[in-house]
Amino acid sequence: MLGLDTTSSVRLLIEDDAAQTRRARKLVDTAIAEEETVLFHFRVARDGMVLRSRYEVPPETILGLFRAALRSAGTSVRGRGCSGGGTFQLAG
């Protein structure tokens, strides 16, 4: 199982550092190829704030990114109460 934190998840979405993005993408691609579970931990409020304030991503785009993650094939979502967070599980 591969678990990605906020920094790695945002890195994959933003692709602002080519070398780090390649490393993160390779980890995810390898895990999926080996049929491992990949967990992306998103805290919607915090991650949305990081995307908006640090990277100036428009709110509509942020919403689209989260919607796309929810619609991905093989995705399941586990929430964590009212914390605004959830874990997106991508099955290989």
Protein backbone atom coordinates (compact mmCIF):
# COMPACT_ATOMS: atom_id res chain seq x y z
CA MET A 1 0.00 0.00 0.00
CA LEU A 2 1.21 3.50 -0.88
CA GLY A 3 -0.05 6.49 1.09
CA LEU A 4 0.43 10.04 -0.16
CA ASP A 5 0.16 13.09 2.07
CA THR A 6 -1.08 16.56 1.18
CA THR A 7 2.29 17.70 -0.17
CA SER A 8 2.61 14.74 -2.56
CA SER A 9 -1.03 14.96 -3.64
CA VAL A 10 -0.79 18.68 -4.37
CA ARG A 11 2.52 18.14 -6.16
CA LEU A 12 0.82 15.68 -8.53
CA LEU A 13 -2.00 18.14 -9.21
CA ILE A 14 0.15 21.25 -9.68
CA GLU A 15 3.30 19.76 -11.24
CA ASP A 16 5.34 22.79 -10.18
CA ASP A 17 8.60 20.90 -9.63
CA ALA A 18 9.35 18.54 -12.51
CA ALA A 19 11.76 16.26 -10.63
CA GLN A 20 9.53 15.87 -7.56
CA THR A 21 6.44 15.37 -9.72
CA ARG A 22 8.22 12.63 -11.70
CA ARG A 23 9.21 10.86 -8.47
CA ALA A 24 5.69 11.05 -7.05
CA ARG A 25 4.12 9.92 -10.34
CA LYS A 26 6.57 7.00 -10.57
CA LEU A 27 5.63 5.85 -7.06
CA VAL A 28 1.92 5.96 -7.93
CA ASP A 29 2.34 4.32 -11.35
CA THR A 30 4.48 1.52 -9.87
CA ALA A 31 1.99 0.86 -7.07
CA ILE A 32 -0.94 0.72 -9.51
CA ALA A 33 0.99 -1.54 -11.91
CA GLU A 34 1.69 -3.88 -9.00
CA GLU A 35 -2.01 -3.74 -8.06
CA GLU A 36 -1.32 -2.08 -4.73
CA THR A 37 -3.75 0.29 -3.09
CA VAL A 38 -2.83 3.97 -3.34
CA LEU A 39 -4.23 6.27 -0.68
CA PHE A 40 -4.46 10.01 -1.33
CA HIS A 41 -5.34 11.88 1.82
CA PHE A 42 -7.21 15.08 1.02
CA ARG A 43 -8.47 17.52 3.58
CA VAL A 44 -10.74 19.50 1.33
CA ALA A 45 -10.56 22.76 3.26
CA ARG A 46 -6.78 22.72 3.80
CA ASP A 47 -5.85 21.40 0.37
CA GLY A 48 -8.23 23.82 -1.31
CA MET A 49 -6.67 26.67 0.64
CA VAL A 50 -3.14 25.58 -0.38
CA LEU A 51 -4.14 25.33 -4.03
CA ARG A 52 -5.84 28.71 -3.95
CA SER A 53 -3.40 30.75 -1.85
CA ARG A 54 -0.04 29.26 -2.81
CA TYR A 55 -0.73 28.32 -6.42
CA GLU A 56 -3.56 30.75 -7.25
CA VAL A 57 -5.76 27.97 -8.60
CA PRO A 58 -9.30 29.31 -9.16
CA PRO A 59 -12.04 27.83 -6.93
CA GLU A 60 -13.82 26.32 -9.95
CA THR A 61 -10.67 24.43 -10.92
CA ILE A 62 -10.15 23.17 -7.37
CA LEU A 63 -13.72 21.88 -7.28
CA GLY A 64 -13.14 20.19 -10.65
CA LEU A 65 -9.99 18.48 -9.37
CA PHE A 66 -11.79 17.05 -6.35
CA ARG A 67 -14.74 15.97 -8.50
CA ALA A 68 -12.40 14.24 -10.95
CA ALA A 69 -10.71 12.40 -8.08
CA LEU A 70 -14.10 11.19 -6.87
CA ARG A 71 -15.08 9.98 -10.34
CA SER A 72 -11.83 8.11 -11.07
CA ALA A 73 -12.22 4.46 -11.96
CA GLY A 74 -11.53 2.19 -9.03
CA THR A 75 -11.91 4.98 -6.50
CA SER A 76 -13.52 4.62 -3.14
CA VAL A 77 -13.86 7.31 -0.51
CA ARG A 78 -13.61 7.02 3.24
CA GLY A 79 -14.58 10.11 5.17
CA ARG A 80 -13.43 11.21 8.57
CA GLY A 81 -16.42 12.77 10.25
CA CYS A 82 -16.78 16.51 9.93
CA SER A 83 -13.06 17.27 9.63
CA GLY A 84 -13.42 18.10 5.95
CA GLY A 85 -11.09 15.27 5.04
CA GLY A 86 -11.31 12.01 3.28
CA THR A 87 -9.13 9.29 1.87
CA PHE A 88 -9.36 8.46 -1.80
CA GLN A 89 -8.40 4.87 -2.41
CA LEU A 90 -7.35 3.89 -5.93
CA ALA A 91 -7.46 0.17 -6.47
CA GLY A 92 -4.95 -1.22 -8.94
